[in-house]
Amino acid sequence: MSDYAQQIAAKKAEQRRKEEEEKLKAAAAMVAEAEKDEGQEAPVSENPSPESAETPDELLTKLPGGPTAEQVRAWREKFSSLYVLPMRRDDAYVWRYLEYKEWKEIQAQLGNVEPDKVEQFIQEAVLKRCVVWPRDRILVSENADKLPAGIVELLYNVIMAGSYFMNTDEALMRVIKL
């Protein structure tokens, strides 16, 4: 990869890391407000509250056009770690984190990318590797064009944060002294 492309990628990554936390907080606040306005409950978390016995599997299989229980089991066998990002009661996304070897593959391809398209290339490459479901809604531009405007970028930012692309200050807040 050329030094110039490497510098652009590093600059963009640092910019993303700085903006990521603010965007995620703002998006979470917007979703919570929208659900409040729509009279919906908060999204189901990994550890459902006692009054909500709905598991992530149940959440997914109840979605209109959602995956089957068999599909979810197959994903669990194929991928070491899966996550669900529920946005509304009728809208959720299944993703996995980006592995280091995949990140190196993406970085190795940056030399062939025009400098002004580096960020878009990285975003598309990450989503292609990490979105498990609904792939066609996110990866096919005709379908993605009909989604809420921020979902592609939000999903990308969530995947990057889940892959530990975060600023040092945020990581240091997680450090526990032994």
Protein backbone atom coordinates (compact mmCIF):
# COMPACT_ATOMS: atom_id res chain seq x y z
CA MET A 1 0.00 0.00 0.00
CA SER A 2 1.33 3.45 -0.85
CA ASP A 3 2.39 5.78 1.95
CA TYR A 4 -0.21 8.29 0.83
CA ALA A 5 -3.07 5.76 0.97
CA GLN A 6 -1.79 4.57 4.34
CA GLN A 7 -1.78 8.13 5.68
CA ILE A 8 -5.31 8.73 4.43
CA ALA A 9 -6.53 5.46 5.95
CA ALA A 10 -4.88 6.25 9.29
CA LYS A 11 -6.32 9.78 9.32
CA LYS A 12 -9.82 8.52 8.46
CA ALA A 13 -9.61 5.76 11.09
CA GLU A 14 -8.63 8.28 13.78
CA GLN A 15 -11.44 10.58 12.72
CA ARG A 16 -13.91 7.67 12.84
CA ARG A 17 -12.73 6.63 16.29
CA LYS A 18 -13.26 10.16 17.62
CA GLU A 19 -16.70 10.49 16.07
CA GLU A 20 -17.79 6.92 16.74
CA GLU A 21 -18.68 7.28 20.38
CA GLU A 22 -20.65 10.48 19.77
CA LYS A 23 -22.54 8.94 16.85
CA LEU A 24 -23.41 5.79 18.76
CA LYS A 25 -24.65 7.79 21.74
CA ALA A 26 -26.69 10.07 19.51
CA ALA A 27 -28.15 7.11 17.58
CA ALA A 28 -29.07 5.29 20.77
CA ALA A 29 -30.78 8.41 22.10
CA MET A 30 -32.68 8.84 18.82
CA VAL A 31 -33.81 5.21 18.81
CA ALA A 32 -34.94 5.44 22.42
CA GLU A 33 -36.83 8.64 21.68
CA ALA A 34 -38.43 7.18 18.54
CA GLU A 35 -39.53 4.08 20.42
CA LYS A 36 -40.89 6.24 23.21
CA ASP A 37 -42.82 8.28 20.66
CA GLU A 38 -44.11 5.12 18.97
CA GLY A 39 -45.04 3.60 22.32
CA GLN A 40 -42.62 0.70 21.82
CA GLU A 41 -40.53 -0.92 24.47
CA ALA A 42 -36.75 -0.61 24.55
CA PRO A 43 -34.79 -3.06 22.38
CA VAL A 44 -34.07 -6.50 23.79
CA SER A 45 -30.59 -6.71 25.26
CA GLU A 46 -28.27 -9.70 25.49
CA ASN A 47 -29.58 -10.25 29.02
CA PRO A 48 -33.33 -9.71 28.90
CA SER A 49 -34.92 -8.26 32.00
CA PRO A 50 -36.95 -10.66 34.19
CA GLU A 51 -40.27 -9.31 32.89
CA SER A 52 -39.11 -9.88 29.28
CA ALA A 53 -38.31 -13.54 28.66
CA GLU A 54 -37.64 -12.93 24.95
CA THR A 55 -34.22 -14.24 23.93
CA PRO A 56 -32.23 -12.88 20.98
CA ASP A 57 -33.22 -16.04 19.03
CA GLU A 58 -36.92 -15.40 19.71
CA LEU A 59 -36.55 -11.76 18.78
CA LEU A 60 -35.05 -12.71 15.40
CA THR A 61 -37.42 -15.54 14.52
CA LYS A 62 -40.45 -13.34 15.30
CA LEU A 63 -39.38 -10.62 12.87
CA PRO A 64 -41.35 -10.32 9.62
CA GLY A 65 -39.22 -12.26 7.13
CA GLY A 66 -36.80 -13.05 9.94
CA PRO A 67 -34.41 -15.99 10.02
CA THR A 68 -35.52 -19.43 11.12
CA ALA A 69 -34.27 -21.08 14.30
CA GLU A 70 -32.27 -23.44 12.07
CA GLN A 71 -30.54 -20.49 10.36
CA VAL A 72 -29.61 -19.01 13.73
CA ARG A 73 -28.18 -22.37 14.86
CA ALA A 74 -26.16 -22.64 11.63
CA TRP A 75 -24.75 -19.13 12.14
CA ARG A 76 -23.69 -20.05 15.67
CA GLU A 77 -21.83 -23.07 14.34
CA LYS A 78 -20.16 -21.06 11.57
CA PHE A 79 -19.17 -17.94 13.53
CA SER A 80 -17.50 -17.80 16.93
CA SER A 81 -19.32 -14.69 18.03
CA LEU A 82 -22.64 -13.23 16.89
CA TYR A 83 -24.47 -10.11 17.96
CA VAL A 84 -27.94 -8.67 17.36
CA LEU A 85 -28.57 -4.97 16.95
CA PRO A 86 -32.31 -4.48 17.46
CA MET A 87 -33.44 -1.10 16.23
CA ARG A 88 -37.22 -1.47 16.48
CA ARG A 89 -39.55 -4.36 17.16
CA ASP A 90 -39.65 -5.05 13.40
CA ASP A 91 -36.03 -4.24 12.53
CA ALA A 92 -32.85 -5.98 13.72
CA TYR A 93 -29.41 -6.80 12.35
CA VAL A 94 -27.13 -9.77 13.03
CA TRP A 95 -23.42 -9.16 12.79
CA ARG A 96 -20.08 -10.53 13.86
CA TYR A 97 -16.84 -8.77 14.67
CA LEU A 98 -14.11 -8.16 12.09
CA GLU A 99 -11.18 -10.50 12.56
CA TYR A 100 -7.61 -9.22 12.46
CA LYS A 101 -6.71 -11.25 9.37
CA GLU A 102 -9.71 -9.71 7.58
CA TRP A 103 -8.58 -6.22 8.57
CA LYS A 104 -5.11 -6.97 7.17
CA GLU A 105 -6.70 -8.17 3.90
CA ILE A 106 -8.69 -4.93 3.63
CA GLN A 107 -5.59 -2.84 4.37
CA ALA A 108 -3.59 -4.73 1.73
CA GLN A 109 -6.14 -3.77 -0.93
CA LEU A 110 -6.04 -0.02 -0.17
CA GLY A 111 -3.16 0.57 -2.62
CA ASN A 112 -5.60 -0.13 -5.46
CA VAL A 113 -8.22 2.33 -4.18
CA GLU A 114 -8.46 5.97 -5.19
CA PRO A 115 -7.58 8.15 -2.18
CA ASP A 116 -10.99 9.84 -2.05
CA LYS A 117 -12.75 6.45 -1.99
CA VAL A 118 -10.73 4.79 0.80
CA GLU A 119 -13.33 5.31 3.53
CA GLN A 120 -16.19 4.01 1.36
CA PHE A 121 -14.10 1.00 0.33
CA ILE A 122 -13.31 0.12 3.95
CA GLN A 123 -16.95 0.51 4.99
CA GLU A 124 -18.22 -1.74 2.19
CA ALA A 125 -15.50 -4.35 2.81
CA VAL A 126 -16.30 -4.52 6.53
CA LEU A 127 -20.04 -4.80 5.96
CA LYS A 128 -19.58 -7.54 3.33
CA ARG A 129 -17.55 -9.59 5.80
CA CYS A 130 -19.49 -8.94 9.00
CA VAL A 131 -23.20 -8.49 8.29
CA VAL A 132 -24.77 -11.91 8.78
CA TRP A 133 -28.43 -10.96 8.39
CA PRO A 134 -30.17 -9.31 6.53
CA ARG A 135 -27.30 -9.26 4.03
CA ASP A 136 -29.35 -8.34 0.95
CA ARG A 137 -30.99 -5.38 2.67
CA ILE A 138 -27.62 -3.90 3.60
CA LEU A 139 -25.31 -5.02 0.78
CA VAL A 140 -27.55 -4.52 -2.27
CA SER A 141 -27.64 -0.79 -2.94
CA GLU A 142 -31.18 -0.81 -4.37
CA ASN A 143 -32.41 -2.32 -1.09
CA ALA A 144 -30.15 -0.24 1.15
CA ASP A 145 -31.42 2.92 -0.55
CA LYS A 146 -34.84 2.22 1.00
CA LEU A 147 -33.54 1.84 4.57
CA PRO A 148 -33.35 4.60 7.18
CA ALA A 149 -30.57 6.94 6.04
CA GLY A 150 -28.19 6.26 8.93
CA ILE A 151 -28.42 2.49 9.30
CA VAL A 152 -25.51 1.54 7.02
CA GLU A 153 -23.10 3.92 8.72
CA LEU A 154 -24.45 3.06 12.17
CA LEU A 155 -24.07 -0.67 11.56
CA TYR A 156 -20.53 -0.10 10.27
CA ASN A 157 -19.65 1.93 13.38
CA VAL A 158 -21.16 -0.69 15.69
CA ILE A 159 -19.18 -3.45 13.96
CA MET A 160 -15.96 -1.43 14.21
CA ALA A 161 -16.55 -0.70 17.91
CA GLY A 162 -17.35 -4.39 18.48
CA SER A 163 -14.07 -5.22 16.73
CA TYR A 164 -12.27 -3.01 19.27
CA PHE A 165 -11.66 -0.04 17.01
CA MET A 166 -12.06 2.54 19.74
CA ASN A 167 -10.07 5.43 21.01
CA THR A 168 -7.45 4.85 23.66
CA ASP A 169 -9.34 6.81 26.31
CA GLU A 170 -12.36 4.55 25.93
CA ALA A 171 -10.17 1.44 26.13
CA LEU A 172 -8.40 2.77 29.22
CA MET A 173 -11.75 3.22 30.96
CA ARG A 174 -12.24 -0.55 30.62
CA VAL A 175 -8.88 -1.45 32.20
CA ILE A 176 -9.09 -3.25 35.53
CA LYS A 177 -6.11 -3.32 37.88
CA LEU A 178 -5.16 -6.77 39.13
